[in-house]
C-alpha atoms as a PDB file:
ATOM      1  CA  MET A   1      58.624  79.495 115.495  1.00  0.00           C
ATOM      2  CA  ILE A   2      54.873  79.326 114.960  1.00  0.00           C
ATOM      3  CA  GLU A   3      53.243  76.766 113.147  1.00  0.00           C
ATOM      4  CA  ILE A   4      49.669  74.445 112.945  1.00  0.00           C
ATOM      5  CA  ALA A   5      50.016  70.894 113.678  1.00  0.00           C
ATOM      6  CA  ILE A   6      47.010  69.707 111.981  1.00  0.00           C
ATOM      7  CA  ASN A   7      46.952  65.814 113.371  1.00  0.00           C
ATOM      8  CA  GLN A   8      44.094  63.081 114.341  1.00  0.00           C
ATOM      9  CA  ALA A   9      44.311  64.797 117.821  1.00  0.00           C
ATOM     10  CA  SER A  10      43.219  68.301 116.383  1.00  0.00           C
ATOM     11  CA  MET A  11      40.665  66.535 114.487  1.00  0.00           C
ATOM     12  CA  MET A  12      39.321  63.304 116.166  1.00  0.00           C
ATOM     13  CA  ASN A  13      35.860  64.196 116.156  1.00  0.00           C
ATOM     14  CA  LEU A  14      35.482  64.330 112.052  1.00  0.00           C
ATOM     15  CA  MET A  15      38.391  61.521 112.321  1.00  0.00           C
ATOM     16  CA  ASP A  16      36.164  59.588 114.113  1.00  0.00           C
ATOM     17  CA  ARG A  17      33.448  60.231 112.118  1.00  0.00           C
ATOM     18  CA  LEU A  18      35.094  59.444 108.944  1.00  0.00           C
ATOM     19  CA  GLU A  19      36.596  55.918 110.081  1.00  0.00           C
ATOM     20  CA  SER A  20      39.967  56.789 109.592  1.00  0.00           C
ATOM     21  CA  ALA A  21      41.941  54.424 111.467  1.00  0.00           C
ATOM     22  CA  SER A  22      41.248  52.021 108.264  1.00  0.00           C
ATOM     23  CA  MET A  23      42.800  54.119 106.290  1.00  0.00           C
ATOM     24  CA  PRO A  24      46.468  52.997 104.850  1.00  0.00           C
ATOM     25  CA  PRO A  25      49.313  55.551 105.903  1.00  0.00           C
ATOM     26  CA  ALA A  26      50.018  56.234 102.054  1.00  0.00           C
ATOM     27  CA  LYS A  27      46.796  57.810 102.133  1.00  0.00           C
ATOM     28  CA  ARG A  28      46.381  59.388 105.261  1.00  0.00           C
ATOM     29  CA  ARG A  29      50.161  61.158 103.941  1.00  0.00           C
ATOM     30  CA  ARG A  30      48.398  62.090 100.531  1.00  0.00           C
ATOM     31  CA  VAL A  31      45.412  63.689 102.443  1.00  0.00           C
ATOM     32  CA  MET A  32      47.150  65.200 105.007  1.00  0.00           C
ATOM     33  CA  GLN A  33      49.459  67.106 102.132  1.00  0.00           C
ATOM     34  CA  MET A  34      46.580  68.351 100.125  1.00  0.00           C
ATOM     35  CA  ILE A  35      45.088  69.703 103.707  1.00  0.00           C
ATOM     36  CA  GLY A  36      48.351  71.218 104.229  1.00  0.00           C
ATOM     37  CA  ARG A  37      48.965  73.156 100.420  1.00  0.00           C
ATOM     38  CA  GLU A  38      45.160  74.014 101.063  1.00  0.00           C
ATOM     39  CA  VAL A  39      45.539  75.770 104.449  1.00  0.00           C
ATOM     40  CA  ALA A  40      48.788  77.066 103.477  1.00  0.00           C
ATOM     41  CA  LYS A  41      47.040  78.852  99.924  1.00  0.00           C
ATOM     42  CA  VAL A  42      44.276  80.215 101.939  1.00  0.00           C
ATOM     43  CA  ASN A  43      46.143  81.706 104.867  1.00  0.00           C
ATOM     44  CA  LYS A  44      49.230  83.028 102.064  1.00  0.00           C
ATOM     45  CA  GLN A  45      46.288  84.970 100.183  1.00  0.00           C
ATOM     46  CA  ARG A  46      45.518  86.454 103.791  1.00  0.00           C
ATOM     47  CA  ILE A  47      48.921  87.302 104.627  1.00  0.00           C
ATOM     48  CA  ARG A  48      49.384  89.384 101.577  1.00  0.00           C
ATOM     49  CA  ALA A  49      46.105  90.810 101.850  1.00  0.00           C
ATOM     50  CA  GLY A  50      46.609  91.769 105.420  1.00  0.00           C
ATOM     51  CA  LYS A  51      43.949  90.095 107.110  1.00  0.00           C
ATOM     52  CA  ALA A  52      43.539  87.280 110.336  1.00  0.00           C
ATOM     53  CA  PRO A  53      42.635  84.231 109.595  1.00  0.00           C
ATOM     54  CA  ASP A  54      38.986  85.039 111.026  1.00  0.00           C
ATOM     55  CA  GLY A  55      38.983  87.938 108.079  1.00  0.00           C
ATOM     56  CA  THR A  56      39.667  91.101 110.111  1.00  0.00           C
ATOM     57  CA  LYS A  57      42.078  93.574 108.831  1.00  0.00           C
ATOM     58  CA  TRP A  58      45.533  94.257 110.807  1.00  0.00           C
ATOM     59  CA  ALA A  59      46.382  96.537 113.009  1.00  0.00           C
ATOM     60  CA  PRO A  60      48.089  99.264 111.083  1.00  0.00           C
ATOM     61  CA  THR A  61      51.829  99.514 110.185  1.00  0.00           C
ATOM     62  CA  ILE A  62      53.597 102.382 111.006  1.00  0.00           C
ATOM     63  CA  SER A  63      54.634 102.474 107.473  1.00  0.00           C
ATOM     64  CA  LYS A  64      53.627 101.306 103.853  1.00  0.00           C
ATOM     65  CA  ARG A  65      57.528  99.431 103.843  1.00  0.00           C
ATOM     66  CA  LYS A  66      56.879  97.846 106.907  1.00  0.00           C
ATOM     67  CA  HIS A  67      52.829  96.592 105.577  1.00  0.00           C
ATOM     68  CA  LYS A  68      55.119  95.167 102.656  1.00  0.00           C
ATOM     69  CA  ARG A  69      57.290  93.364 104.347  1.00  0.00           C
ATOM     70  CA  LEU A  70      55.039  91.636 106.439  1.00  0.00           C
ATOM     71  CA  ALA A  71      52.778  90.622 103.463  1.00  0.00           C
ATOM     72  CA  GLY A  72      56.212  89.169 101.962  1.00  0.00           C
ATOM     73  CA  LEU A  73      55.933  86.254 104.815  1.00  0.00           C
ATOM     74  CA  SER A  74      53.253  84.692 103.238  1.00  0.00           C
ATOM     75  CA  LYS A  75      55.917  82.989 100.546  1.00  0.00           C
ATOM     76  CA  ARG A  76      58.152  82.199 102.971  1.00  0.00           C
ATOM     77  CA  LEU A  77      54.658  80.134 104.449  1.00  0.00           C
ATOM     78  CA  ARG A  78      55.792  76.031 103.650  1.00  0.00           C
ATOM     79  CA  THR A  79      54.082  72.622 104.149  1.00  0.00           C
ATOM     80  CA  ARG A  80      54.883  69.332 105.535  1.00  0.00           C
ATOM     81  CA  ALA A  81      53.476  65.863 106.211  1.00  0.00           C
ATOM     82  CA  THR A  82      53.145  62.415 107.378  1.00  0.00           C
ATOM     83  CA  ALA A  83      50.870  60.149 107.612  1.00  0.00           C
ATOM     84  CA  ASP A  84      49.593  61.540 111.051  1.00  0.00           C
ATOM     85  CA  GLU A  85      49.867  65.226 110.915  1.00  0.00           C
ATOM     86  CA  ALA A  86      50.317  68.392 108.324  1.00  0.00           C
ATOM     87  CA  ILE A  87      52.430  71.053 109.305  1.00  0.00           C
ATOM     88  CA  ILE A  88      52.308  74.377 108.644  1.00  0.00           C
ATOM     89  CA  ASN A  89      55.096  76.980 109.345  1.00  0.00           C
ATOM     90  CA  PHE A  90      57.555  79.355 107.690  1.00  0.00           C
ATOM     91  CA  ASP A  91      60.542  78.187 106.149  1.00  0.00           C
ATOM     92  CA  LYS A  92      63.330  79.714 108.217  1.00  0.00           C
ATOM     93  CA  ARG A  93      63.465  80.006 112.233  1.00  0.00           C
ATOM     94  CA  PHE A  94      64.105  83.831 111.979  1.00  0.00           C
ATOM     95  CA  VAL A  95      61.011  83.959 110.081  1.00  0.00           C
ATOM     96  CA  GLY A  96      59.135  82.198 112.166  1.00  0.00           C
ATOM     97  CA  MET A  97      60.432  84.353 115.093  1.00  0.00           C
ATOM     98  CA  ILE A  98      59.302  87.504 113.260  1.00  0.00           C
ATOM     99  CA  ALA A  99      56.171  85.980 112.419  1.00  0.00           C
ATOM    100  CA  ASN A 100      55.413  84.604 115.828  1.00  0.00           C
ATOM    101  CA  GLN A 101      55.907  88.582 117.841  1.00  0.00           C
ATOM    102  CA  GLN A 102      53.105  89.622 115.126  1.00  0.00           C
ATOM    103  CA  GLN A 103      50.510  86.671 116.148  1.00  0.00           C
ATOM    104  CA  GLN A 104      51.465  87.025 119.656  1.00  0.00           C
ATOM    105  CA  GLY A 105      52.318  91.078 119.923  1.00  0.00           C
ATOM    106  CA  MET A 106      54.633  91.862 121.958  1.00  0.00           C
ATOM    107  CA  GLU A 107      56.658  94.828 123.920  1.00  0.00           C
ATOM    108  CA  GLN A 108      60.225  95.584 123.623  1.00  0.00           C
ATOM    109  CA  GLN A 109      62.280  97.415 126.229  1.00  0.00           C
ATOM    110  CA  PHE A 110      65.124  99.058 124.509  1.00  0.00           C
ATOM    111  CA  THR A 111      68.092 100.803 126.197  1.00  0.00           C
ATOM    112  CA  ALA A 112      70.180 103.589 124.451  1.00  0.00           C
ATOM    113  CA  PRO A 113      74.083 103.394 124.617  1.00  0.00           C
ATOM    114  CA  PRO A 114      76.209 105.638 126.722  1.00  0.00           C
ATOM    115  CA  ALA A 115      77.015 108.808 125.241  1.00  0.00           C
ATOM    116  CA  LYS A 116      80.779 108.750 123.652  1.00  0.00           C
ATOM    117  CA  PRO A 117      83.282 111.080 124.997  1.00  0.00           C
ATOM    118  CA  PRO A 118      84.019 113.570 122.271  1.00  0.00           C
ATOM    119  CA  ARG A 119      87.243 112.501 120.461  1.00  0.00           C
ATOM    120  CA  PRO A 120      90.042 115.941 120.437  1.00  0.00           C
ATOM    121  CA  ARG A 121      90.520 117.369 117.517  1.00  0.00           C
ATOM    122  CA  ALA A 122      93.592 119.410 115.635  1.00  0.00           C
ATOM    123  CA  SER A 123      93.119 123.137 114.913  1.00  0.00           C
ATOM    124  CA  GLU A 124      91.650 124.085 112.421  1.00  0.00           C
ATOM    125  CA  LYS A 125      93.094 127.421 111.932  1.00  0.00           C
ATOM    126  CA  GLY A 126      94.614 128.242 108.600  1.00  0.00           C
ATOM    127  CA  LYS A 127      92.915 124.588 106.636  1.00  0.00           C
ATOM    128  CA  ARG A 128      90.926 124.454 104.200  1.00  0.00           C
ATOM    129  CA  ALA A 129      87.228 123.178 105.231  1.00  0.00           C
ATOM    130  CA  GLU A 130      86.800 119.928 104.305  1.00  0.00           C
ATOM    131  CA  PRO A 131      83.819 117.127 103.850  1.00  0.00           C
ATOM    132  CA  PHE A 132      83.053 115.807 107.625  1.00  0.00           C
ATOM    133  CA  GLN A 133      84.820 112.401 107.671  1.00  0.00           C
ATOM    134  CA  PRO A 134      82.267 110.378 110.389  1.00  0.00           C
ATOM    135  CA  THR A 135      84.405 108.634 113.254  1.00  0.00           C
ATOM    136  CA  ASP A 136      80.981 106.654 113.785  1.00  0.00           C
ATOM    137  CA  SER A 137      77.460 106.225 111.144  1.00  0.00           C
ATOM    138  CA  PRO A 138      76.919 109.296 109.211  1.00  0.00           C
ATOM    139  CA  CYS A 139      73.196 110.480 110.343  1.00  0.00           C
ATOM    140  CA  THR A 140      70.272 108.628 109.169  1.00  0.00           C
ATOM    141  CA  ARG A 141      68.009 109.897 106.914  1.00  0.00           C
ATOM    142  CA  SER A 142      64.923 110.179 109.011  1.00  0.00           C
ATOM    143  CA  GLN A 143      67.259 112.906 111.239  1.00  0.00           C
ATOM    144  CA  ALA A 144      68.037 114.288 107.731  1.00  0.00           C
ATOM    145  CA  LEU A 145      64.567 114.688 106.881  1.00  0.00           C
ATOM    146  CA  ARG A 146      63.878 116.062 110.994  1.00  0.00           C
ATOM    147  CA  LEU A 147      66.624 118.844 110.690  1.00  0.00           C
ATOM    148  CA  ARG A 148      65.114 119.706 107.207  1.00  0.00           C
ATOM    149  CA  ALA A 149      61.880 120.020 108.852  1.00  0.00           C
ATOM    150  CA  LEU A 150      63.332 122.234 111.801  1.00  0.00           C
ATOM    151  CA  GLY A 151      65.269 125.049 109.465  1.00  0.00           C
ATOM    152  CA  TYR A 152      68.018 123.710 109.428  1.00  0.00           C
ATOM    153  CA  LYS A 153      70.633 125.957 107.180  1.00  0.00           C
ATOM    154  CA  VAL A 154      74.607 125.716 106.398  1.00  0.00           C
ATOM    155  CA  LEU A 155      76.898 128.581 105.235  1.00  0.00           C
ATOM    156  CA  SER A 156      76.941 128.518 101.635  1.00  0.00           C
ATOM    157  CA  ASN A 157      80.460 129.537  99.574  1.00  0.00           C
ATOM    158  CA  ARG A 158      78.301 129.439  96.333  1.00  0.00           C
ATOM    159  CA  GLY A 159      78.652 133.026  93.953  1.00  0.00           C
ATOM    160  CA  LYS A 160      80.071 136.307  95.476  1.00  0.00           C
ATOM    161  CA  ARG A 161      77.587 136.708  98.425  1.00  0.00           C
ATOM    162  CA  ARG A 162      78.324 133.727 101.262  1.00  0.00           C
ATOM    163  CA  ARG A 163      74.421 133.146 103.020  1.00  0.00           C
ATOM    164  CA  TYR A 164      72.856 130.568 104.920  1.00  0.00           C
ATOM    165  CA  ARG A 165      70.883 127.995 102.665  1.00  0.00           C
ATOM    166  CA  LYS A 166      69.293 125.087 103.168  1.00  0.00           C
ATOM    167  CA  PRO A 167      70.633 121.884 102.489  1.00  0.00           C
ATOM    168  CA  SER A 168      69.929 118.693 100.757  1.00  0.00           C
ATOM    169  CA  LEU A 169      69.636 115.647 102.315  1.00  0.00           C
ATOM    170  CA  LYS A 170      72.342 114.229 100.829  1.00  0.00           C
ATOM    171  CA  TRP A 171      74.367 116.300 102.424  1.00  0.00           C
ATOM    172  CA  ILE A 172      73.398 116.280 105.406  1.00  0.00           C
ATOM    173  CA  GLN A 173      73.689 112.684 105.227  1.00  0.00           C
ATOM    174  CA  GLU A 174      77.710 112.856 104.351  1.00  0.00           C
ATOM    175  CA  HIS A 175      78.460 115.975 106.555  1.00  0.00           C
ATOM    176  CA  LEU A 176      76.265 115.453 109.822  1.00  0.00           C
ATOM    177  CA  SER A 177      77.302 111.841 112.387  1.00  0.00           C
ATOM    178  CA  VAL A 178      74.323 110.399 113.850  1.00  0.00           C
ATOM    179  CA  GLN A 179      75.202 112.261 117.308  1.00  0.00           C
ATOM    180  CA  ARG A 180      75.618 115.355 115.708  1.00  0.00           C
ATOM    181  CA  ALA A 181      72.116 115.413 114.067  1.00  0.00           C
ATOM    182  CA  ALA A 182      71.020 114.414 117.399  1.00  0.00           C
ATOM    183  CA  ILE A 183      72.857 117.015 119.521  1.00  0.00           C
ATOM    184  CA  ILE A 184      71.413 119.644 116.462  1.00  0.00           C
ATOM    185  CA  ILE A 185      67.812 118.038 116.585  1.00  0.00           C
ATOM    186  CA  ARG A 186      67.837 117.711 120.730  1.00  0.00           C
ATOM    187  CA  THR A 187      69.270 121.464 120.949  1.00  0.00           C
ATOM    188  CA  THR A 188      66.585 122.892 118.416  1.00  0.00           C
ATOM    189  CA  THR A 189      64.070 121.454 120.343  1.00  0.00           C
ATOM    190  CA  GLY A 190      64.728 121.407 123.700  1.00  0.00           C
ATOM    191  CA  GLU A 191      64.065 117.435 123.571  1.00  0.00           C
ATOM    192  CA  THR A 192      66.084 115.518 126.387  1.00  0.00           C
ATOM    193  CA  ARG A 193      67.442 112.943 125.255  1.00  0.00           C
ATOM    194  CA  LYS A 194      66.126 108.963 125.965  1.00  0.00           C
ATOM    195  CA  ASN A 195      68.086 106.416 127.678  1.00  0.00           C
ATOM    196  CA  ARG A 196      64.981 103.915 127.820  1.00  0.00           C
ATOM    197  CA  TRP A 197      62.048 103.058 124.982  1.00  0.00           C
ATOM    198  CA  THR A 198      59.154 100.401 124.699  1.00  0.00           C
ATOM    199  CA  VAL A 199      58.113  99.495 121.673  1.00  0.00           C
ATOM    200  CA  SER A 200      54.882  97.864 121.278  1.00  0.00           C
ATOM    201  CA  THR A 201      54.239  95.541 118.458  1.00  0.00           C
ATOM    202  CA  PRO A 202      50.155  94.882 118.284  1.00  0.00           C
ATOM    203  CA  GLU A 203      48.882  91.607 117.503  1.00  0.00           C
ATOM    204  CA  ARG A 204      48.795  90.292 113.701  1.00  0.00           C
ATOM    205  CA  GLN A 205      47.278  86.821 113.661  1.00  0.00           C
ATOM    206  CA  MET A 206      48.802  84.852 110.665  1.00  0.00           C
ATOM    207  CA  LEU A 207      48.270  81.274 111.863  1.00  0.00           C
ATOM    208  CA  PRO A 208      44.637  79.807 113.153  1.00  0.00           C
ATOM    209  CA  GLU A 209      44.534  78.093 116.158  1.00  0.00           C
ATOM    210  CA  ALA A 210      44.600  73.770 114.929  1.00  0.00           C
ATOM    211  CA  GLY A 211      40.940  73.396 116.452  1.00  0.00           C
ATOM    212  CA  ASN A 212      39.564  75.852 113.841  1.00  0.00           C
ATOM    213  CA  ASP A 213      36.300  75.285 112.234  1.00  0.00           C
ATOM    214  CA  GLU A 214      37.274  76.598 108.634  1.00  0.00           C
ATOM    215  CA  LEU A 215      40.135  74.218 109.211  1.00  0.00           C
ATOM    216  CA  MET A 216      37.719  70.999 110.128  1.00  0.00           C
ATOM    217  CA  ALA A 217      35.706  72.440 106.757  1.00  0.00           C
ATOM    218  CA  ILE A 218      39.113  72.096 104.461  1.00  0.00           C
ATOM    219  CA  ALA A 219      40.195  68.690 105.895  1.00  0.00           C
ATOM    220  CA  ALA A 220      36.808  66.768 105.137  1.00  0.00           C
ATOM    221  CA  LYS A 221      36.758  68.543 101.445  1.00  0.00           C
ATOM    222  CA  ALA A 222      40.637  66.827 101.046  1.00  0.00           C
ATOM    223  CA  PHE A 223      38.496  63.198 102.273  1.00  0.00           C
ATOM    224  CA  LYS A 224      36.126  63.948 100.171  1.00  0.00           C
ATOM    225  CA  LYS A 225      38.562  65.183  97.227  1.00  0.00           C
ATOM    226  CA  MET A 226      40.157  61.911  98.190  1.00  0.00           C
ATOM    227  CA  GLY A 227      37.020  59.473  97.090  1.00  0.00           C
ATOM    228  CA  TRP A 228      36.812  58.851 101.051  1.00  0.00           C
ATOM    229  CA  GLY A 229      34.371  59.624 103.637  1.00  0.00           C
ATOM    230  CA  GLY A 230      31.954  61.055 100.515  1.00  0.00           C
ATOM    231  CA  GLY A 231      28.573  59.275 102.061  1.00  0.00           C
ATOM    232  CA  SER A 232      29.005  61.010 105.770  1.00  0.00           C
END
């Protein structure tokens, strides 16, 4: 889970300068609320723009869809405040875990499940060919795209002359299982099956550190808006 806790310890110099100890608890809470909301507002804008707290662009994602999902995390940013601190985090634990993975950057190891033994089939002789009924998952769209790019063709029964044609993505997904598609791709390309692989997530900062200079400036602005510390 990722969050910013802006408290008296993280703003010690500023709080000392403004003599915050003399501020009543209710007013301190209002100030903390204002700080939290302003920090959340600034960071929502940056997350939507795909930028880190220092204004630099995030590392590019593998697809526009992935970038859109990450930018959508801005809607999940929440704030809460007490008399002593303002906390900015994400509304759900799972969302916070995703944001933390992006914030820190990480590497994940994946292992392929063991191949399933072929299922015995009854003789097809004398039977009319029927569409494939997948016993497992149908092949993915990316597999279907790969098969078409590799020139995969099937024997067509259209018209008087039977000939090979390139099937549509829909046909491939309806007639091939994910295992069958993988076998065809490996056979065509000569690729070997990967049993283990690593997925690297580059660092994409979403929230600043609690002692960030910009946070201190936002905090000072909040104090002044409350009509306190204007003489500093």
